[in-house]
Protein backbone atom coordinates (compact mmCIF):
# COMPACT_ATOMS: atom_id res chain seq x y z
CA MET A 1 0.00 0.00 0.00
CA ASN A 2 1.58 3.33 -1.08
CA THR A 3 1.72 6.51 0.99
CA LYS A 4 -1.25 8.12 -0.77
CA LYS A 5 -3.50 5.14 -0.05
CA VAL A 6 -2.39 5.07 3.58
CA ASN A 7 -3.16 8.79 3.95
CA ASP A 8 -6.55 8.34 2.27
CA LEU A 9 -7.40 5.48 4.63
CA ALA A 10 -6.29 7.52 7.66
CA ARG A 11 -8.59 10.37 6.61
CA ARG A 12 -11.56 8.03 6.13
CA LEU A 13 -11.06 6.40 9.53
CA GLY A 14 -12.27 8.33 12.53
CA PRO A 15 -15.26 7.67 14.83
CA GLY A 16 -15.21 3.89 14.26
CA LEU A 17 -11.45 3.56 14.79
CA ILE A 18 -11.43 5.69 17.96
CA THR A 19 -14.53 3.93 19.32
CA GLY A 20 -13.04 0.49 18.74
CA ALA A 21 -9.73 1.45 20.33
CA ALA A 22 -11.48 3.01 23.34
CA ASP A 23 -13.17 -0.34 23.91
CA ASP A 24 -9.76 -1.79 24.89
CA ASP A 25 -9.47 0.48 27.93
CA PRO A 26 -7.62 -0.57 31.13
CA SER A 27 -10.84 -2.10 32.48
CA GLY A 28 -11.17 -4.17 29.32
CA ILE A 29 -7.51 -5.15 29.51
CA ALA A 30 -8.14 -6.47 33.04
CA THR A 31 -11.08 -8.56 31.78
CA TYR A 32 -9.12 -10.00 28.85
CA SER A 33 -6.13 -10.69 31.11
CA GLN A 34 -8.37 -12.60 33.50
CA ALA A 35 -9.85 -14.57 30.60
CA GLY A 36 -6.42 -15.60 29.32
CA SER A 37 -4.80 -16.28 32.68
CA GLN A 38 -7.69 -18.32 34.08
CA PHE A 39 -9.09 -20.09 30.99
CA ARG A 40 -6.09 -20.04 28.63
CA PHE A 41 -7.55 -20.20 25.09
CA GLY A 42 -11.01 -21.35 26.18
CA LEU A 43 -12.60 -17.92 25.71
CA VAL A 44 -11.17 -17.01 22.32
CA TRP A 45 -14.54 -17.95 20.81
CA THR A 46 -16.22 -15.04 22.64
CA LEU A 47 -14.12 -12.55 20.69
CA LEU A 48 -15.03 -14.25 17.43
CA LEU A 49 -18.71 -14.14 18.41
CA THR A 50 -18.77 -10.50 19.46
CA THR A 51 -16.93 -9.11 16.41
CA PRO A 52 -19.88 -9.21 13.94
CA LEU A 53 -22.27 -8.20 16.72
CA MET A 54 -20.11 -5.18 17.61
CA ILE A 55 -19.90 -4.21 13.96
CA GLY A 56 -23.68 -4.42 13.56
CA ILE A 57 -24.64 -2.33 16.60
CA GLN A 58 -21.86 0.25 16.14
CA MET A 59 -22.74 0.71 12.47
CA LEU A 60 -26.30 1.37 13.59
CA SER A 61 -25.24 4.01 16.12
CA ALA A 62 -23.06 5.73 13.50
CA ARG A 63 -25.84 5.55 10.91
CA ILE A 64 -28.34 7.14 13.30
CA GLY A 65 -25.96 9.99 14.07
CA TRP A 66 -25.12 10.65 10.41
CA VAL A 67 -28.65 10.34 8.98
CA THR A 68 -30.49 12.34 11.66
CA GLY A 69 -27.76 14.86 12.45
CA GLU A 70 -28.49 14.23 16.15
CA GLY A 71 -26.90 12.00 18.77
CA LEU A 72 -28.45 8.98 20.43
CA GLY A 73 -29.68 10.94 23.43
CA ALA A 74 -31.82 13.21 21.26
CA ASN A 75 -33.12 10.29 19.20
CA ILE A 76 -33.94 8.16 22.25
CA ALA A 77 -35.96 11.10 23.61
CA LYS A 78 -38.10 10.97 20.44
CA VAL A 79 -39.31 7.41 21.05
CA CYS A 80 -39.18 6.95 24.83
CA PRO A 81 -41.10 8.54 27.72
CA ARG A 82 -39.20 11.36 29.41
CA TRP A 83 -38.77 9.41 32.65
CA LEU A 84 -37.26 6.40 30.85
CA THR A 85 -34.91 8.58 28.80
CA LEU A 86 -33.64 10.39 31.90
CA THR A 87 -33.23 7.11 33.79
CA LEU A 88 -31.16 5.52 31.01
CA ILE A 89 -28.98 8.61 30.57
CA GLY A 90 -28.51 8.99 34.32
CA LEU A 91 -27.38 5.38 34.66
CA LEU A 92 -25.04 5.83 31.69
CA VAL A 93 -23.37 8.77 33.46
CA VAL A 94 -23.01 6.73 36.67
CA ALA A 95 -21.50 3.74 34.85
CA ASN A 96 -19.11 5.94 32.85
CA THR A 97 -17.94 7.76 35.99
CA ILE A 98 -17.22 4.48 37.77
CA ASN A 99 -15.37 3.25 34.69
CA ILE A 100 -13.31 6.45 34.58
CA ALA A 101 -12.29 5.83 38.20
CA ALA A 102 -11.21 2.27 37.42
CA ASP A 103 -9.27 3.34 34.32
CA LEU A 104 -7.47 6.22 36.06
CA SER A 105 -6.56 3.91 38.94
CA ALA A 106 -5.11 1.35 36.52
CA MET A 107 -3.13 4.07 34.70
CA GLY A 108 -1.72 5.36 37.98
CA GLU A 109 -0.71 1.84 39.02
CA ALA A 110 0.98 1.30 35.64
CA VAL A 111 3.11 4.44 36.08
CA ARG A 112 3.96 3.40 39.64
CA LEU A 113 5.20 0.05 38.36
CA LEU A 114 7.38 1.76 35.76
CA ALA A 115 8.64 4.77 37.71
CA GLY A 116 7.93 4.12 41.38
CA GLY A 117 6.43 6.66 43.76
CA HIS A 118 2.89 7.03 45.07
CA VAL A 119 -0.06 6.28 42.83
CA VAL A 120 -2.38 9.17 43.83
CA PRO A 121 -0.40 12.03 42.16
CA TYR A 122 -0.34 10.01 38.93
CA ILE A 123 -4.11 9.49 39.05
CA ILE A 124 -4.74 13.19 39.64
CA GLY A 125 -2.30 14.11 36.89
CA PHE A 126 -4.05 11.90 34.35
CA GLY A 127 -7.45 13.30 35.39
CA VAL A 128 -6.26 16.88 34.92
CA LEU A 129 -4.63 16.00 31.59
CA SER A 130 -7.88 14.50 30.33
CA ILE A 131 -9.90 17.58 31.27
CA VAL A 132 -7.39 20.03 29.83
CA GLY A 133 -7.15 18.06 26.58
CA GLN A 134 -10.90 18.17 25.96
CA VAL A 135 -11.53 21.73 27.13
CA TYR A 136 -8.62 23.50 25.43
CA PHE A 137 -8.03 21.51 22.24
CA SER A 138 -10.19 22.02 19.16
CA TYR A 139 -12.33 19.21 17.79
CA GLU A 140 -9.82 18.58 15.02
CA GLY A 141 -6.95 18.60 17.51
CA THR A 142 -8.75 16.21 19.88
CA VAL A 143 -9.58 13.75 17.08
CA ARG A 144 -6.00 13.90 15.81
CA ILE A 145 -4.63 13.12 19.28
CA LEU A 146 -7.11 10.28 19.83
CA LYS A 147 -6.18 8.77 16.46
CA TRP A 148 -2.50 8.79 17.41
CA LEU A 149 -3.31 7.23 20.78
CA THR A 150 -4.87 4.24 19.03
CA LEU A 151 -1.28 3.27 18.13
CA ALA A 152 -0.75 2.45 21.82
CA LEU A 153 -2.73 -0.73 21.25
CA PHE A 154 0.00 -2.09 19.01
CA SER A 155 2.03 -2.58 22.19
CA TYR A 156 0.02 -5.76 22.74
CA VAL A 157 0.94 -6.98 19.28
CA ALA A 158 4.58 -6.43 20.35
CA VAL A 159 3.97 -8.55 23.46
CA ILE A 160 2.63 -11.38 21.30
CA LEU A 161 5.71 -11.18 19.07
CA SER A 162 7.95 -11.51 22.13
CA VAL A 163 6.41 -14.80 23.32
CA ALA A 164 5.82 -18.18 21.68
CA VAL A 165 2.16 -18.82 20.87
CA PRO A 166 1.11 -22.45 20.20
CA TRP A 167 -1.30 -21.62 17.38
CA ARG A 168 -2.44 -25.21 16.87
CA GLN A 169 -3.45 -25.42 20.53
CA VAL A 170 -5.21 -22.07 20.28
CA LEU A 171 -7.31 -23.38 17.38
CA VAL A 172 -8.16 -26.67 19.10
CA GLU A 173 -9.22 -25.08 22.39
CA SER A 174 -11.17 -22.35 20.61
CA VAL A 175 -13.21 -24.85 18.58
CA ALA A 176 -14.14 -27.03 21.57
CA PRO A 177 -13.74 -24.77 24.65
CA TRP A 178 -15.94 -26.91 26.92
CA ARG A 179 -13.34 -29.67 26.82
CA TYR A 180 -10.65 -27.42 28.28
CA VAL A 181 -12.38 -25.73 31.21
CA PRO A 182 -9.94 -25.88 34.19
CA SER A 183 -10.79 -28.50 36.80
CA GLY A 184 -12.55 -27.03 39.80
CA THR A 185 -14.12 -24.24 37.74
CA SER A 186 -17.84 -23.93 38.32
CA LEU A 187 -20.33 -23.19 35.57
CA ASN A 188 -21.08 -19.87 37.28
CA ASP A 189 -17.41 -18.82 37.17
CA TYR A 190 -17.13 -19.69 33.49
CA ALA A 191 -20.40 -17.99 32.60
CA ALA A 192 -19.46 -14.91 34.64
CA ILE A 193 -16.27 -14.32 32.67
CA VAL A 194 -18.16 -14.87 29.40
CA VAL A 195 -20.63 -12.18 30.47
CA ALA A 196 -17.74 -9.90 31.45
CA VAL A 197 -16.15 -10.23 28.01
CA LEU A 198 -19.48 -9.56 26.27
CA GLY A 199 -20.14 -6.56 28.50
CA THR A 200 -16.66 -5.21 27.88
CA THR A 201 -16.89 -5.42 24.10
CA ILE A 202 -20.49 -4.17 23.71
CA SER A 203 -20.90 -1.12 25.98
CA PRO A 204 -23.44 1.73 25.83
CA TYR A 205 -20.85 4.51 26.04
CA LEU A 206 -19.45 3.33 22.70
CA PHE A 207 -22.88 3.72 21.05
CA PHE A 208 -23.24 7.31 22.23
CA TRP A 209 -19.69 8.30 21.34
CA GLN A 210 -19.70 7.03 17.76
CA ALA A 211 -23.11 8.56 17.00
CA ALA A 212 -21.99 11.89 18.48
CA GLN A 213 -18.79 11.90 16.44
CA GLU A 214 -20.76 11.41 13.23
CA VAL A 215 -22.85 14.42 14.23
CA GLU A 216 -19.68 16.44 14.88
CA ASP A 217 -18.32 15.47 11.47
CA ASN A 218 -21.60 16.58 9.87
CA LEU A 219 -21.33 19.98 11.53
CA ARG A 220 -17.97 20.48 9.86
CA ARG A 221 -19.58 19.92 6.46
CA PRO A 222 -22.30 22.57 5.90
CA GLU A 223 -23.42 20.80 2.74
CA ALA A 224 -24.12 17.50 4.55
CA ALA A 225 -27.75 18.20 5.50
CA GLU A 226 -28.71 19.31 1.99
CA LEU A 227 -26.95 16.44 0.23
CA ARG A 228 -27.98 13.67 2.64
CA ASP A 229 -30.97 12.69 0.50
CA HIS A 230 -28.87 12.52 -2.65
CA PRO A 231 -28.41 8.77 -3.39
CA GLU A 232 -24.76 8.98 -4.46
CA TYR A 233 -23.74 11.18 -1.52
CA ALA A 234 -25.58 8.96 0.95
CA ALA A 235 -24.06 5.79 -0.53
CA GLU A 236 -20.56 7.27 -0.35
CA HIS A 237 -20.85 8.28 3.32
CA LEU A 238 -22.60 5.11 4.45
CA SER A 239 -19.78 3.20 2.74
CA ARG A 240 -17.28 5.31 4.70
CA ILE A 241 -19.13 4.54 7.95
CA LYS A 242 -19.10 0.83 7.10
CA GLU A 243 -15.37 0.81 6.33
CA ASP A 244 -14.54 2.84 9.44
CA THR A 245 -16.64 0.64 11.73
CA TYR A 246 -15.39 -2.64 10.29
CA PHE A 247 -11.80 -1.50 10.68
CA GLY A 248 -12.33 -0.17 14.21
CA MET A 249 -14.17 -3.19 15.60
CA ILE A 250 -11.89 -5.79 14.00
CA PHE A 251 -8.89 -3.82 15.26
CA SER A 252 -10.44 -3.69 18.74
CA ASN A 253 -11.13 -7.41 19.00
CA GLY A 254 -7.79 -8.24 17.37
CA ILE A 255 -6.01 -6.41 20.18
CA ALA A 256 -8.25 -8.11 22.75
CA LEU A 257 -7.21 -11.44 21.23
CA CYS A 258 -3.53 -10.47 21.62
CA ILE A 259 -4.08 -9.73 25.32
CA VAL A 260 -5.86 -13.04 25.91
CA LEU A 261 -3.12 -14.97 24.08
CA ALA A 262 -0.28 -13.10 25.80
CA THR A 263 -1.62 -13.76 29.29
CA ALA A 264 -2.56 -17.35 28.42
CA VAL A 265 0.93 -18.38 27.21
CA THR A 266 2.71 -16.59 30.05
CA LEU A 267 0.59 -16.38 33.21
CA ASN A 268 -1.64 -19.42 32.76
CA GLU A 269 1.27 -21.67 31.77
CA HIS A 270 3.03 -20.69 35.02
CA GLY A 271 0.01 -21.26 37.24
CA ILE A 272 -0.93 -17.58 37.69
CA THR A 273 -4.70 -17.62 37.26
CA ASN A 274 -6.05 -14.91 39.55
CA ILE A 275 -5.47 -11.60 37.74
CA LEU A 276 -7.86 -8.88 38.86
CA THR A 277 -6.44 -5.67 37.36
CA ALA A 278 -4.54 -4.64 34.24
CA ALA A 279 -1.59 -3.42 36.33
CA GLN A 280 -1.47 -6.75 38.15
CA ALA A 281 -1.27 -8.53 34.79
CA ALA A 282 1.64 -6.30 33.73
CA GLU A 283 3.48 -6.93 36.99
CA ALA A 284 2.96 -10.68 36.76
CA LEU A 285 4.44 -10.68 33.25
CA ARG A 286 7.81 -9.28 34.38
CA PRO A 287 9.42 -12.43 35.83
CA ILE A 288 7.93 -14.68 33.15
CA ALA A 289 8.08 -12.82 29.83
CA GLY A 290 10.87 -10.38 30.71
CA GLU A 291 11.27 -6.63 31.20
CA PHE A 292 10.36 -5.81 27.59
CA ALA A 293 6.96 -7.50 27.70
CA PHE A 294 6.27 -6.01 31.14
CA ALA A 295 7.15 -2.46 30.04
CA ILE A 296 5.18 -2.68 26.79
CA PHE A 297 2.11 -4.08 28.58
CA ALA A 298 2.26 -1.31 31.20
CA LEU A 299 2.75 1.43 28.61
CA GLY A 300 -0.25 0.07 26.72
CA ILE A 301 -2.39 0.52 29.84
CA ILE A 302 -1.39 4.18 30.02
CA GLY A 303 -1.93 4.81 26.30
CA THR A 304 -5.34 3.14 26.16
CA GLY A 305 -6.43 4.95 29.32
CA LEU A 306 -5.52 8.32 27.81
CA LEU A 307 -7.76 7.38 24.88
CA ALA A 308 -10.64 5.86 26.86
CA VAL A 309 -11.15 8.42 29.65
CA PRO A 310 -12.02 11.29 27.24
CA VAL A 311 -14.39 8.96 25.37
CA LEU A 312 -16.13 7.92 28.61
CA ALA A 313 -16.48 11.50 29.84
CA GLY A 314 -17.37 12.80 26.39
CA SER A 315 -20.07 10.23 25.71
CA ALA A 316 -21.74 11.07 29.05
CA ALA A 317 -21.60 14.78 28.21
CA PHE A 318 -23.07 14.25 24.74
CA ALA A 319 -25.92 12.14 26.12
CA VAL A 320 -26.92 14.61 28.85
CA SER A 321 -26.58 17.66 26.60
CA GLU A 322 -28.69 16.10 23.83
CA VAL A 323 -31.52 15.22 26.20
CA PHE A 324 -31.65 18.70 27.75
CA GLY A 325 -31.16 20.52 24.46
CA TRP A 326 -27.82 22.06 25.41
CA LYS A 327 -25.26 22.99 22.81
CA ALA A 328 -22.83 20.08 22.67
CA GLY A 329 -19.64 19.11 20.92
CA LEU A 330 -15.89 19.44 21.04
CA SER A 331 -16.15 21.75 18.03
CA HIS A 332 -17.69 24.38 20.35
CA GLY A 333 -15.63 26.43 22.77
CA PHE A 334 -16.12 26.27 26.54
CA ARG A 335 -18.21 29.45 26.72
CA ALA A 336 -20.54 28.28 23.95
CA ALA A 337 -21.17 24.85 25.48
CA ARG A 338 -20.71 25.27 29.23
CA GLY A 339 -23.17 22.55 30.22
CA PHE A 340 -21.48 20.04 27.92
CA TYR A 341 -18.02 20.75 29.31
CA ALA A 342 -19.38 20.86 32.88
CA ILE A 343 -20.44 17.21 32.52
CA ILE A 344 -17.00 16.26 31.18
CA ILE A 345 -15.29 18.03 34.07
CA ALA A 346 -17.66 16.66 36.73
CA ALA A 347 -17.44 13.04 35.53
CA THR A 348 -13.64 13.20 35.33
CA VAL A 349 -13.22 14.96 38.70
CA ILE A 350 -15.51 12.48 40.48
CA GLY A 351 -13.77 9.58 38.75
CA THR A 352 -10.38 10.97 39.75
CA PHE A 353 -11.52 11.31 43.38
CA MET A 354 -12.90 7.77 43.44
CA GLY A 355 -9.66 6.40 41.99
CA SER A 356 -7.56 8.38 44.45
CA VAL A 357 -9.35 7.18 47.59
CA GLU A 358 -8.55 3.56 46.76
CA VAL A 359 -12.02 2.41 45.83
CA ASP A 360 -11.85 -1.35 45.32
CA PRO A 361 -11.27 -1.61 41.52
CA ILE A 362 -12.94 -5.01 41.33
CA LYS A 363 -16.11 -3.77 43.02
CA ALA A 364 -16.02 -0.66 40.83
CA LEU A 365 -15.83 -2.77 37.67
CA LEU A 366 -18.58 -5.08 38.98
CA TRP A 367 -20.98 -2.19 39.58
CA SER A 368 -20.04 -0.57 36.28
CA ALA A 369 -20.74 -3.87 34.50
CA ILE A 370 -24.09 -4.26 36.27
CA VAL A 371 -25.22 -0.71 35.46
CA ASN A 372 -24.04 -1.02 31.86
CA GLY A 373 -25.83 -4.34 31.60
CA VAL A 374 -29.08 -2.91 32.94
CA ILE A 375 -29.13 -0.08 30.40
CA SER A 376 -27.50 -1.74 27.38
CA VAL A 377 -30.43 -3.93 26.35
CA PRO A 378 -33.18 -1.26 26.46
CA ILE A 379 -30.87 1.20 24.67
CA MET A 380 -30.15 -1.39 21.96
CA VAL A 381 -33.86 -2.15 21.58
CA VAL A 382 -34.61 1.57 21.18
CA MET A 383 -31.74 1.93 18.69
CA MET A 384 -33.20 -0.90 16.61
CA ARG A 385 -36.59 0.83 16.62
CA ILE A 386 -34.98 4.08 15.52
CA GLY A 387 -32.96 2.34 12.81
CA GLN A 388 -36.14 0.81 11.33
CA SER A 389 -38.26 3.98 11.64
CA HIS A 390 -39.07 5.68 8.33
CA ARG A 391 -40.30 8.69 10.32
CA ILE A 392 -36.81 9.24 11.79
CA MET A 393 -34.48 7.68 9.22
CA GLY A 394 -36.42 8.42 6.04
CA GLU A 395 -35.29 6.24 3.12
CA LEU A 396 -32.01 5.35 4.91
CA THR A 397 -33.41 2.74 7.29
CA MET A 398 -31.43 -0.39 8.11
CA SER A 399 -30.98 -3.18 5.59
CA ARG A 400 -32.36 -6.66 6.30
CA ARG A 401 -28.86 -8.04 7.01
CA HIS A 402 -28.10 -5.12 9.30
CA ARG A 403 -31.33 -5.79 11.20
CA PHE A 404 -30.32 -9.43 11.67
CA PHE A 405 -26.97 -8.58 13.27
CA GLY A 406 -28.48 -5.74 15.31
CA TRP A 407 -31.18 -7.94 16.81
CA ALA A 408 -28.67 -10.78 17.28
CA ALA A 409 -26.42 -8.45 19.29
CA THR A 410 -29.43 -7.33 21.33
CA GLY A 411 -30.50 -10.92 22.00
CA VAL A 412 -27.03 -12.05 23.04
CA MET A 413 -26.68 -9.08 25.39
CA ALA A 414 -30.14 -9.74 26.86
CA MET A 415 -29.18 -13.33 27.69
CA ALA A 416 -25.82 -12.21 29.11
CA VAL A 417 -27.38 -9.51 31.26
CA GLY A 418 -30.09 -11.89 32.51
CA PHE A 419 -27.46 -14.37 33.64
CA MET A 420 -25.30 -11.64 35.15
CA LEU A 421 -28.19 -10.30 37.25
CA VAL A 422 -29.15 -13.79 38.42
CA THR A 423 -25.61 -14.68 39.50
CA SER A 424 -24.85 -11.24 40.97
CA PHE A 425 -27.85 -11.15 43.28
């Protein structure tokens, strides 16, 4: 591929790539590390299952944002009672704030492992950096930085290249995972980690972020609203959304696969099966895979956190602003969109405080997963209704194949959430 083609691809990639990369945040890294260390290659199939489902639901969120020129919050308000809309958005903000706390805590621990010192100043520093980056950088500048931060995920590809992966064994255990469940593992334990992986890869904040970024991109093109009904223009941009989303979601799950494989061939093979945080996984790698793998894994935690925290805070701000009719978007300055930026600042400050007071990261992730699970299914159902509505989408409603994958993703999440709630309570 020549330089021109690479540059063209880089320009076409945006919301889908950043959304997919943000999915591999420190909390997700912890989940994938636990999957690999405890079950070796027995959960690889979950990543294969979720890839087409992620693509389907994220393409829908992007399509809604591009076609309507409004984010998910505004569109959900069109089809749901006010009380239900506010409840879903409120729970989204709570879940995102808890997730921010867990991510900042993991980033602080990663720096402590690399440089020493106390973790709290690092957590506060990352929180301040996230706020400053979103408040003071332009939309174009923020997107450019987030795109560059997606490169941090290649650190996990480097880890894979530094260890020996038995690919034949990976294939065998992936095809028949039930035959390789560790002895002493209960069905509940196995099902719980399956639910955790599903909940990590298909999360509501990703829906809101990608839809909002399509809206932001539309605002930068004054001709978009007028040309949206033109068949050739619509086909071109829906093709761009498809390419962007495919690339972003496959990239996301490819990196998740690298993390599962890396922890499986190092930690699991040496009897280390109880990994609870991303930083703990990095630390456990040091005596087994060497300083290089340890350092790369830890740096990846920091890089992905710098990408994910703005997405978590931003998606909450977009959702709240859209529901209340506030001016929203990183393309607006602070004075023009004070409510929007106030939500970003509040979510990040609260998350920073929670991370600094040593809130149990495992309990934080559990509650975040439960809240996300509670709201993900109704949000996905509403998204499917919007995507099929001629009143809202006009002639650009979902295709039959897109409906299949969208409803499949919704059904899988409904079953996962049902099991999670049963086992949690």
